[in-house]
Structure formats: C-alpha cells, structure tokens
Amino acid sequence: MKTLTLEIKDMHCSNCVMKLQALEDDLPGVDTVDASYRSQKMKVVYDEVVVTPESIMEAVQKLGYTPELIK
C-alpha cells in the first residue's frame, strides 16, 4: 500500500469531503480516503498494483475538483 497526498483548494465544505471520500467505494484499489476541507488536503491509501496516482487524480477531477500533488 502507498499513500498519496493531494491539495484540493476547491474543497470547501463537508459535502465536498463526503463526495471525495466516496472514492473508497467507487475506485478499485483505493483503501482509504481522509479528506479535510479545513486543510484542503486529501490523503489516499491505495494499492499501487491496482490503481495509479494519475487515475486517482483523474477520478478527483471527474468529481469537479482540482487536485495538486503534494511532494
């Protein structure tokens, strides 16, 4: 398992958080999503054999958010 941390500046409420945390159920290979609109960050624990960071970021974009990779 790997961890990916994204900054999502357009996440601004608890509904945004719930929408992003639904990726746990909707995207195969994603184990957990911990999102906070206060810090505007999202931490994703994922199986690198099943899903890539690029596909996670693409899924976030499809939900209407702009993810930026935090290194």
C-alpha atoms as a PDB file:
ATOM      1  CA  MET A   1       0.000   0.000   0.000  1.00  0.00           C
ATOM      2  CA  LYS A   2       1.122   3.522  -0.789  1.00  0.00           C
ATOM      3  CA  THR A   3      -0.063   6.934   0.368  1.00  0.00           C
ATOM      4  CA  LEU A   4      -0.823   9.871  -1.902  1.00  0.00           C
ATOM      5  CA  THR A   5      -1.398  13.372  -0.520  1.00  0.00           C
ATOM      6  CA  LEU A   6      -3.264  15.896  -2.637  1.00  0.00           C
ATOM      7  CA  GLU A   7      -4.067  19.542  -2.110  1.00  0.00           C
ATOM      8  CA  ILE A   8      -7.604  20.359  -3.217  1.00  0.00           C
ATOM      9  CA  LYS A   9      -8.096  24.109  -2.969  1.00  0.00           C
ATOM     10  CA  ASP A  10     -11.687  23.983  -4.236  1.00  0.00           C
ATOM     11  CA  MET A  11     -12.859  21.642  -1.445  1.00  0.00           C
ATOM     12  CA  HIS A  12     -14.752  23.927   0.922  1.00  0.00           C
ATOM     13  CA  CYS A  13     -17.447  22.049   2.856  1.00  0.00           C
ATOM     14  CA  SER A  14     -18.403  18.730   4.411  1.00  0.00           C
ATOM     15  CA  ASN A  15     -20.360  17.752   1.298  1.00  0.00           C
ATOM     16  CA  CYS A  16     -17.152  18.063  -0.718  1.00  0.00           C
ATOM     17  CA  VAL A  17     -15.414  15.798   1.791  1.00  0.00           C
ATOM     18  CA  MET A  18     -18.152  13.153   1.545  1.00  0.00           C
ATOM     19  CA  LYS A  19     -18.033  13.280  -2.245  1.00  0.00           C
ATOM     20  CA  LEU A  20     -14.263  12.730  -2.263  1.00  0.00           C
ATOM     21  CA  GLN A  21     -14.332  10.043   0.414  1.00  0.00           C
ATOM     22  CA  ALA A  22     -16.796   8.081  -1.747  1.00  0.00           C
ATOM     23  CA  LEU A  23     -13.779   7.207  -3.905  1.00  0.00           C
ATOM     24  CA  GLU A  24     -13.118   4.485  -1.304  1.00  0.00           C
ATOM     25  CA  ASP A  25     -16.153   2.650  -2.682  1.00  0.00           C
ATOM     26  CA  ASP A  26     -16.081   3.854  -6.292  1.00  0.00           C
ATOM     27  CA  LEU A  27     -12.438   3.398  -7.309  1.00  0.00           C
ATOM     28  CA  PRO A  28     -10.971  -0.130  -7.161  1.00  0.00           C
ATOM     29  CA  GLY A  29      -7.633  -0.222  -5.375  1.00  0.00           C
ATOM     30  CA  VAL A  30      -8.372   2.736  -3.079  1.00  0.00           C
ATOM     31  CA  ASP A  31      -8.280   1.565   0.530  1.00  0.00           C
ATOM     32  CA  THR A  32      -8.962   4.749   2.499  1.00  0.00           C
ATOM     33  CA  VAL A  33      -9.537   8.433   1.819  1.00  0.00           C
ATOM     34  CA  ASP A  34      -9.056  11.030   4.533  1.00  0.00           C
ATOM     35  CA  ALA A  35     -10.134  14.476   3.330  1.00  0.00           C
ATOM     36  CA  SER A  36     -10.342  17.769   5.222  1.00  0.00           C
ATOM     37  CA  TYR A  37     -11.906  20.918   3.836  1.00  0.00           C
ATOM     38  CA  ARG A  38     -10.225  22.958   6.575  1.00  0.00           C
ATOM     39  CA  SER A  39      -6.719  21.968   5.492  1.00  0.00           C
ATOM     40  CA  GLN A  40      -7.820  21.483   1.864  1.00  0.00           C
ATOM     41  CA  LYS A  41      -5.883  18.225   1.781  1.00  0.00           C
ATOM     42  CA  MET A  42      -6.797  14.677   0.912  1.00  0.00           C
ATOM     43  CA  LYS A  43      -4.746  11.621   1.870  1.00  0.00           C
ATOM     44  CA  VAL A  44      -5.361   8.438  -0.109  1.00  0.00           C
ATOM     45  CA  VAL A  45      -4.065   4.991   0.825  1.00  0.00           C
ATOM     46  CA  TYR A  46      -4.104   2.800  -2.276  1.00  0.00           C
ATOM     47  CA  ASP A  47      -2.835  -0.451  -3.758  1.00  0.00           C
ATOM     48  CA  GLU A  48      -0.256   0.540  -6.370  1.00  0.00           C
ATOM     49  CA  VAL A  49      -0.793  -2.743  -8.240  1.00  0.00           C
ATOM     50  CA  VAL A  50      -4.468  -1.917  -8.869  1.00  0.00           C
ATOM     51  CA  VAL A  51      -4.606   1.879  -9.236  1.00  0.00           C
ATOM     52  CA  THR A  52      -2.148   4.651 -10.154  1.00  0.00           C
ATOM     53  CA  PRO A  53      -1.791   8.147  -8.687  1.00  0.00           C
ATOM     54  CA  GLU A  54      -2.751   9.508 -12.115  1.00  0.00           C
ATOM     55  CA  SER A  55      -6.039   7.588 -12.157  1.00  0.00           C
ATOM     56  CA  ILE A  56      -6.836   8.779  -8.613  1.00  0.00           C
ATOM     57  CA  MET A  57      -6.225  12.380  -9.664  1.00  0.00           C
ATOM     58  CA  GLU A  58      -8.366  11.843 -12.771  1.00  0.00           C
ATOM     59  CA  ALA A  59     -11.217  10.498 -10.617  1.00  0.00           C
ATOM     60  CA  VAL A  60     -10.962  13.587  -8.377  1.00  0.00           C
ATOM     61  CA  GLN A  61     -11.137  15.819 -11.467  1.00  0.00           C
ATOM     62  CA  LYS A  62     -14.235  13.966 -12.694  1.00  0.00           C
ATOM     63  CA  LEU A  63     -15.880  14.894  -9.382  1.00  0.00           C
ATOM     64  CA  GLY A  64     -15.247  18.554 -10.234  1.00  0.00           C
ATOM     65  CA  TYR A  65     -12.155  19.276  -8.112  1.00  0.00           C
ATOM     66  CA  THR A  66      -8.627  20.363  -8.980  1.00  0.00           C
ATOM     67  CA  PRO A  67      -6.075  18.096  -7.282  1.00  0.00           C
ATOM     68  CA  GLU A  68      -2.433  19.095  -6.860  1.00  0.00           C
ATOM     69  CA  LEU A  69       0.163  16.538  -5.835  1.00  0.00           C
ATOM     70  CA  ILE A  70       1.997  17.365  -2.602  1.00  0.00           C
ATOM     71  CA  LYS A  71       5.532  16.020  -2.638  1.00  0.00           C
END
